[in-house]
Protein backbone atom coordinates (compact mmCIF):
# COMPACT_ATOMS: atom_id res chain seq x y z
CA MET A 1 152.09 -96.53 -17.12
CA GLY A 2 152.54 -98.11 -19.90
CA ASN A 3 149.84 -99.86 -21.63
CA VAL A 4 146.64 -100.17 -19.20
CA PHE A 5 145.72 -103.22 -21.52
CA ALA A 6 148.77 -104.74 -21.11
CA ALA A 7 147.11 -108.34 -20.91
CA GLY A 8 145.93 -108.34 -24.23
CA ASN A 9 147.38 -107.20 -27.78
CA PRO A 10 149.53 -104.14 -27.84
CA THR A 11 148.25 -100.83 -28.63
CA PRO A 12 149.06 -97.26 -30.26
CA THR A 13 148.59 -93.90 -28.54
CA SER A 14 147.81 -89.95 -30.09
CA THR A 15 149.76 -86.99 -29.29
CA VAL A 16 148.55 -84.28 -26.86
CA SER A 17 149.01 -81.05 -27.74
CA GLY A 18 148.53 -77.46 -26.34
CA ILE A 19 150.60 -78.32 -23.06
CA GLY A 20 152.18 -75.67 -22.03
CA THR A 21 154.44 -75.76 -18.89
CA MET A 22 153.27 -77.99 -16.62
CA PRO A 23 153.73 -77.01 -12.44
CA SER A 24 154.98 -78.91 -10.18
CA PRO A 25 153.04 -81.61 -8.47
CA PRO A 26 152.69 -80.59 -4.71
CA SER A 27 154.55 -82.56 -2.00
CA SER A 28 153.23 -86.12 -1.48
CA PRO A 29 153.94 -88.05 1.68
CA ILE A 30 156.46 -90.31 -0.35
CA ALA A 31 158.57 -87.12 -1.40
CA GLN A 32 158.71 -86.06 2.32
CA LEU A 33 160.11 -89.26 3.02
CA ALA A 34 162.63 -89.03 0.46
CA LYS A 35 163.67 -85.66 2.30
CA ASN A 36 164.03 -86.78 5.45
CA ALA A 37 165.95 -89.77 4.57
CA ASN A 38 168.41 -87.17 2.88
CA GLY A 39 168.70 -84.23 5.30
CA GLY A 40 166.07 -82.87 3.95
CA GLU A 41 167.37 -82.30 0.83
CA SER A 42 165.78 -84.41 -2.53
CA GLU A 43 167.68 -82.80 -5.32
CA ASP A 44 170.74 -84.54 -5.30
CA LEU A 45 168.55 -87.66 -6.10
CA PRO A 46 168.47 -89.57 -9.30
CA ASN A 47 165.13 -89.49 -11.32
CA PRO A 48 163.98 -93.33 -10.55
CA GLY A 49 162.67 -93.36 -14.39
CA LYS A 50 159.70 -94.60 -15.85
CA PHE A 51 156.87 -96.42 -13.67
CA GLU A 52 156.11 -98.71 -16.34
CA ASP A 53 159.93 -99.53 -16.50
CA LEU A 54 160.11 -101.34 -12.80
CA HIS A 55 160.17 -104.53 -13.84
CA SER A 56 161.50 -104.09 -17.32
CA LYS A 57 164.61 -105.87 -16.86
CA VAL A 58 163.45 -108.94 -15.87
CA LYS A 59 160.93 -109.21 -18.99
CA GLU A 60 163.81 -108.25 -21.36
CA LEU A 61 165.24 -111.62 -20.29
CA MET A 62 161.71 -113.36 -21.52
CA PRO A 63 162.20 -115.08 -24.95
CA MET A 64 159.92 -114.16 -27.49
CA ALA A 65 159.57 -117.59 -28.75
CA PHE A 66 157.46 -118.02 -32.26
CA GLU A 67 156.26 -120.85 -34.46
CA GLY A 68 156.52 -121.74 -37.79
CA CYS A 69 159.04 -119.54 -40.05
CA LYS A 70 159.54 -115.95 -39.81
CA LEU A 71 161.07 -113.36 -42.07
CA LEU A 72 161.13 -109.87 -41.00
CA ILE A 73 162.92 -106.94 -43.42
CA ASN A 74 164.17 -103.55 -42.45
CA LYS A 75 165.32 -100.90 -44.54
CA GLY A 76 166.37 -97.53 -43.46
CA LEU A 77 165.15 -94.90 -46.35
CA THR A 78 166.49 -91.90 -44.94
CA ASN A 79 168.23 -90.83 -41.42
CA HIS A 80 164.42 -89.93 -40.02
CA PHE A 81 162.59 -92.90 -41.65
CA GLN A 82 162.70 -96.91 -41.94
CA VAL A 83 160.27 -99.44 -42.88
CA GLY A 84 160.00 -103.16 -42.29
CA HIS A 85 158.16 -105.80 -43.27
CA GLN A 86 156.86 -108.96 -41.64
CA ILE A 87 156.02 -112.63 -42.95
CA THR A 88 154.96 -115.42 -40.48
CA LEU A 89 153.81 -118.77 -41.61
CA SER A 90 152.63 -121.02 -38.79
CA SER A 91 150.26 -123.91 -37.93
CA ASP A 92 147.75 -121.27 -36.20
CA LYS A 93 146.21 -119.34 -38.94
CA GLU A 94 145.43 -116.38 -36.71
CA LYS A 95 149.46 -116.16 -36.52
CA SER A 96 150.52 -116.06 -39.99
CA GLY A 97 150.01 -113.57 -42.47
CA TYR A 98 152.23 -110.12 -43.36
CA HIS A 99 153.03 -107.05 -41.28
CA PHE A 100 154.03 -103.79 -42.52
CA ASN A 101 155.45 -101.03 -40.17
CA ALA A 102 157.25 -97.95 -40.57
CA THR A 103 159.14 -95.54 -38.14
CA TYR A 104 159.54 -91.55 -38.18
CA VAL A 105 161.99 -90.18 -35.81
CA GLY A 106 162.24 -86.44 -35.63
CA ASP A 107 164.89 -84.26 -35.53
CA LYS A 108 164.58 -82.88 -31.75
CA GLN A 109 167.50 -85.00 -29.96
CA LEU A 110 167.67 -84.66 -26.54
CA SER A 111 170.49 -87.04 -26.03
CA PRO A 112 172.78 -89.45 -28.52
CA THR A 113 170.16 -92.00 -28.16
CA GLU A 114 166.92 -90.07 -28.23
CA SER A 115 164.96 -87.76 -30.69
CA PHE A 116 161.52 -86.47 -30.98
CA PRO A 117 159.19 -86.87 -32.30
CA VAL A 118 158.96 -90.67 -33.03
CA LEU A 119 155.73 -92.22 -35.12
CA LEU A 120 155.56 -95.85 -35.35
CA GLY A 121 152.89 -97.82 -37.33
CA ASP A 122 152.16 -101.38 -37.61
CA ILE A 123 149.46 -102.83 -40.13
CA ASP A 124 148.57 -106.25 -41.28
CA THR A 125 146.12 -107.93 -43.78
CA ASN A 126 143.72 -108.57 -41.56
CA GLY A 127 143.02 -104.96 -40.87
CA ASN A 128 144.60 -104.59 -37.55
CA LEU A 129 146.14 -101.41 -37.50
CA GLN A 130 148.72 -100.10 -34.39
CA ALA A 131 150.30 -96.83 -34.21
CA GLN A 132 152.30 -94.74 -31.63
CA CYS A 133 153.14 -90.85 -31.23
CA ILE A 134 155.55 -89.82 -28.37
CA HIS A 135 156.83 -86.30 -27.90
CA GLN A 136 158.90 -84.52 -25.57
CA LEU A 137 156.41 -81.10 -25.30
CA THR A 138 159.24 -79.66 -23.11
CA ASP A 139 162.29 -80.64 -21.02
CA ARG A 140 160.29 -82.05 -18.55
CA ILE A 141 156.87 -83.40 -20.19
CA ARG A 142 156.54 -85.94 -22.31
CA ALA A 143 153.43 -86.83 -23.94
CA LYS A 144 152.65 -90.45 -25.80
CA ALA A 145 149.08 -91.46 -27.72
CA LEU A 146 147.86 -95.06 -28.45
CA VAL A 147 145.65 -96.34 -30.57
CA GLN A 148 144.77 -99.52 -32.06
CA THR A 149 141.82 -101.30 -34.53
CA GLN A 150 140.84 -104.75 -34.94
CA GLN A 151 139.54 -106.00 -38.39
CA SER A 152 139.09 -102.40 -39.08
CA ALA A 153 136.60 -101.63 -36.05
CA TRP A 154 137.97 -99.11 -33.93
CA SER A 155 139.47 -100.96 -30.90
CA VAL A 156 141.53 -99.03 -28.27
CA ALA A 157 142.85 -94.99 -27.66
CA GLN A 158 144.95 -94.43 -24.52
CA PHE A 159 146.88 -91.04 -23.78
CA ASP A 160 149.73 -90.60 -21.00
CA CYS A 161 151.09 -87.14 -19.80
CA GLU A 162 154.23 -87.80 -17.96
CA TYR A 163 156.24 -85.25 -16.06
CA LYS A 164 159.72 -85.88 -15.06
CA GLY A 165 161.33 -84.17 -11.96
CA PRO A 166 164.56 -84.27 -10.35
CA SER A 167 163.93 -87.13 -8.20
CA TYR A 168 160.36 -88.24 -9.36
CA THR A 169 158.29 -89.06 -12.06
CA ALA A 170 154.64 -88.85 -12.29
CA THR A 171 152.47 -89.92 -14.92
CA VAL A 172 148.68 -89.62 -15.89
CA THR A 173 147.19 -92.02 -18.38
CA ALA A 174 143.43 -92.18 -20.15
CA ALA A 175 141.99 -95.15 -21.54
CA ASN A 176 139.28 -95.14 -24.00
CA PRO A 177 137.99 -91.99 -22.45
CA ASP A 178 134.05 -92.09 -23.82
CA PHE A 179 132.46 -88.95 -21.87
CA ILE A 180 129.38 -89.43 -23.38
CA ASN A 181 128.59 -93.49 -22.55
CA GLU A 182 130.31 -92.34 -19.18
CA SER A 183 133.45 -95.31 -19.49
CA GLY A 184 137.05 -95.20 -19.31
CA ILE A 185 139.87 -96.03 -17.37
CA PHE A 186 142.26 -93.37 -15.72
CA VAL A 187 145.51 -94.09 -14.01
CA ALA A 188 147.68 -91.74 -12.04
CA GLN A 189 151.32 -92.91 -10.84
CA TYR A 190 154.16 -91.66 -8.61
CA LEU A 191 157.39 -92.51 -8.66
CA GLN A 192 160.08 -91.38 -6.07
CA SER A 193 163.72 -92.12 -5.36
CA ILE A 194 164.07 -92.23 -1.38
CA THR A 195 167.66 -92.65 -1.48
CA LYS A 196 170.29 -93.19 -4.44
CA LYS A 197 169.24 -97.19 -4.31
CA LEU A 198 165.84 -96.91 -3.30
CA ALA A 199 162.64 -96.00 -4.68
CA LEU A 200 159.21 -96.14 -3.61
CA GLY A 201 155.63 -95.39 -5.57
CA THR A 202 152.12 -95.45 -5.55
CA GLN A 203 149.27 -96.04 -8.53
CA ILE A 204 146.08 -95.27 -8.51
CA LEU A 205 143.29 -96.22 -10.76
CA TYR A 206 139.73 -95.72 -11.62
CA GLN A 207 137.77 -97.87 -13.70
CA TYR A 208 133.87 -96.72 -14.45
CA GLY A 209 131.41 -97.80 -17.00
CA GLN A 210 127.93 -99.78 -17.58
CA GLY A 211 126.78 -98.23 -14.29
CA GLN A 212 129.69 -99.53 -12.22
CA GLU A 213 132.41 -98.21 -10.67
CA MET A 214 135.72 -99.70 -9.44
CA SER A 215 138.81 -98.07 -7.57
CA GLU A 216 142.30 -99.64 -6.97
CA VAL A 217 145.59 -98.65 -5.30
CA SER A 218 148.66 -100.39 -5.23
CA LEU A 219 152.21 -99.71 -3.53
CA THR A 220 155.82 -99.88 -5.29
CA GLY A 221 159.08 -100.50 -4.21
CA ARG A 222 162.61 -101.16 -5.94
CA TYR A 223 165.91 -101.61 -4.52
CA THR A 224 169.04 -101.34 -6.42
CA GLY A 225 172.09 -103.11 -5.55
CA ASP A 226 174.95 -103.40 -7.35
CA ASN A 227 174.42 -105.77 -9.47
CA TRP A 228 170.74 -106.50 -8.66
CA ILE A 229 167.73 -104.99 -9.00
CA ALA A 230 164.22 -106.36 -6.65
CA THR A 231 161.04 -104.64 -7.22
CA GLY A 232 157.68 -105.51 -5.91
CA ALA A 233 154.01 -104.18 -6.53
CA PHE A 234 151.37 -105.08 -3.96
CA SER A 235 147.43 -103.91 -4.31
CA PRO A 236 144.57 -105.57 -3.08
CA ALA A 237 143.85 -107.94 -6.27
CA VAL A 238 147.34 -107.99 -7.76
CA VAL A 239 150.92 -109.09 -5.84
CA HIS A 240 153.80 -108.68 -8.86
CA LEU A 241 157.46 -109.43 -7.73
CA SER A 242 160.52 -109.55 -9.74
CA TYR A 243 164.47 -110.03 -8.47
CA TYR A 244 167.06 -109.01 -11.43
CA HIS A 245 170.74 -110.55 -11.23
CA LYS A 246 173.58 -109.45 -13.80
CA GLY A 247 176.46 -112.24 -13.11
CA GLN A 248 179.57 -112.75 -14.60
CA ASN A 249 180.50 -113.99 -18.01
CA ASN A 250 177.43 -111.71 -19.70
CA VAL A 251 175.26 -114.10 -17.71
CA GLN A 252 171.71 -112.22 -16.68
CA ILE A 253 169.10 -114.18 -14.35
CA GLY A 254 165.70 -112.82 -13.52
CA VAL A 255 162.56 -114.15 -10.95
CA GLU A 256 159.10 -113.07 -11.49
CA PHE A 257 156.14 -114.15 -9.32
CA GLU A 258 152.85 -112.46 -10.50
CA SER A 259 149.26 -113.22 -8.39
CA ARG A 260 146.55 -111.56 -10.53
CA MET A 261 142.74 -112.66 -9.86
CA GLY A 262 143.25 -115.96 -8.08
CA GLU A 263 146.00 -117.12 -10.53
CA THR A 264 149.47 -117.19 -9.90
CA ALA A 265 152.69 -117.65 -12.12
CA THR A 266 156.68 -117.69 -11.25
CA THR A 267 159.10 -117.60 -14.40
CA LEU A 268 162.52 -117.72 -14.66
CA GLY A 269 164.41 -116.25 -17.15
CA TYR A 270 167.88 -115.95 -17.98
CA GLN A 271 169.98 -114.45 -21.07
CA VAL A 272 173.71 -115.38 -22.05
CA ASP A 273 175.64 -113.36 -24.13
CA VAL A 274 178.71 -114.65 -26.18
CA PRO A 275 180.26 -111.54 -28.21
CA GLN A 276 183.06 -113.57 -29.56
CA ALA A 277 180.03 -115.20 -31.63
CA ASN A 278 177.79 -112.90 -32.06
CA LEU A 279 175.24 -115.17 -30.37
CA THR A 280 172.61 -114.53 -27.93
CA PHE A 281 170.86 -117.32 -26.08
CA LYS A 282 167.47 -116.11 -24.20
CA GLY A 283 165.49 -119.16 -22.06
CA SER A 284 162.73 -119.28 -19.30
CA LEU A 285 161.06 -121.87 -17.44
CA ASP A 286 157.44 -121.24 -15.43
CA THR A 287 155.22 -122.92 -13.02
CA ASN A 288 152.90 -124.39 -15.62
CA TRP A 289 155.57 -126.21 -17.05
CA ARG A 290 155.84 -124.33 -20.07
CA VAL A 291 160.17 -124.52 -21.52
CA ALA A 292 160.61 -121.70 -23.99
CA ALA A 293 164.37 -120.64 -25.86
CA VAL A 294 165.20 -118.26 -28.56
CA MET A 295 169.01 -118.00 -29.91
CA GLU A 296 170.02 -115.49 -32.17
CA LYS A 297 173.11 -115.64 -34.05
CA LYS A 298 174.39 -112.50 -35.96
CA LEU A 299 175.86 -113.17 -39.19
CA GLN A 300 178.53 -110.60 -39.80
CA PRO A 301 179.73 -108.62 -41.90
CA ILE A 302 176.38 -108.68 -43.80
CA PRO A 303 173.28 -107.36 -41.97
CA PHE A 304 170.98 -110.99 -41.49
CA THR A 305 170.18 -112.33 -38.05
CA PHE A 306 169.44 -115.75 -37.57
CA MET A 307 167.04 -117.11 -35.59
CA LEU A 308 165.56 -120.29 -33.71
CA SER A 309 162.58 -120.74 -31.21
CA GLY A 310 161.49 -123.67 -29.53
CA VAL A 311 158.86 -124.25 -26.63
CA LEU A 312 157.85 -127.63 -24.41
CA ASP A 313 154.72 -126.78 -23.17
CA HIS A 314 154.17 -130.68 -20.70
CA SER A 315 150.96 -129.58 -19.36
CA LYS A 316 149.32 -130.11 -23.11
CA SER A 317 152.30 -131.92 -24.26
CA ARG A 318 152.78 -130.03 -27.15
CA PHE A 319 156.61 -128.61 -28.85
CA LEU A 320 156.68 -126.24 -30.95
CA ALA A 321 159.48 -124.76 -33.19
CA GLY A 322 160.61 -122.45 -35.34
CA PHE A 323 163.10 -120.15 -37.03
CA GLY A 324 163.54 -116.88 -38.85
CA LEU A 325 165.64 -114.69 -40.65
CA MET A 326 165.89 -110.54 -40.03
CA ILE A 327 167.28 -108.71 -42.60
CA GLY A 328 168.73 -105.03 -41.69
């Protein structure tokens, strides 16, 4: 699952050690459905990927708008180690400041784009720390740990263990587990390929603390077409739908609908790539009449990327603009 605190600030993780070979989860009703749909065989089905990535195609289209000016400097010190600096100046004091981040990638290479372990860290001048560790323990087991502090005070700890089967992915997550004070959040997720295009899954969330308990079960489905992806997640409290479409001429469009705790929002996002000009443009419009756009222009052959950002919030009659430069 990704971060169960997705509504808040991003958080870090820690390592799960001492895990040997994990037995395959028992056959579930969803897995049995996959076998029945494929003549009793599910081994030829593809792995459906991570549960947390179900809506990622649409979310990647949404612009990360910002206000004021931003400077990012990334420097690779070795083949495995990289550091970065970010300076932001904004009219909002909480968004202004300096961030230092570091990334370490190990030498356990599983593919041309994946090496482990991965260590990520970010800290600002207010003492807010985010740290993350990801490691591939075996060919099928991956562990993640996230840790976050706010103003030098312990805030969040989250631990994930993911098992990647031939045609399914199972994940268990524990967030802020405190067995002494009897509080915490525990999540179990299972995603199974039914056919080569259809995947179904379920999520069970259990939360307890301060003498109260809460549990929630949600169902998820994803259908992948030739150039589009439709995804839906349903629970008593949340309805989350998304549709992604890849058009011609480097144009991508996505729509996301989310109803949570009585609040409903629909967002339309798009991305246009102009390879000839080394230009990428992202834009979004939601039902709260908030329009956002970000343009990124690579200034080749020098390793600079120039960014322009704009946000027009009609509901608050406010316009925010920003520009930035990324080096490295």
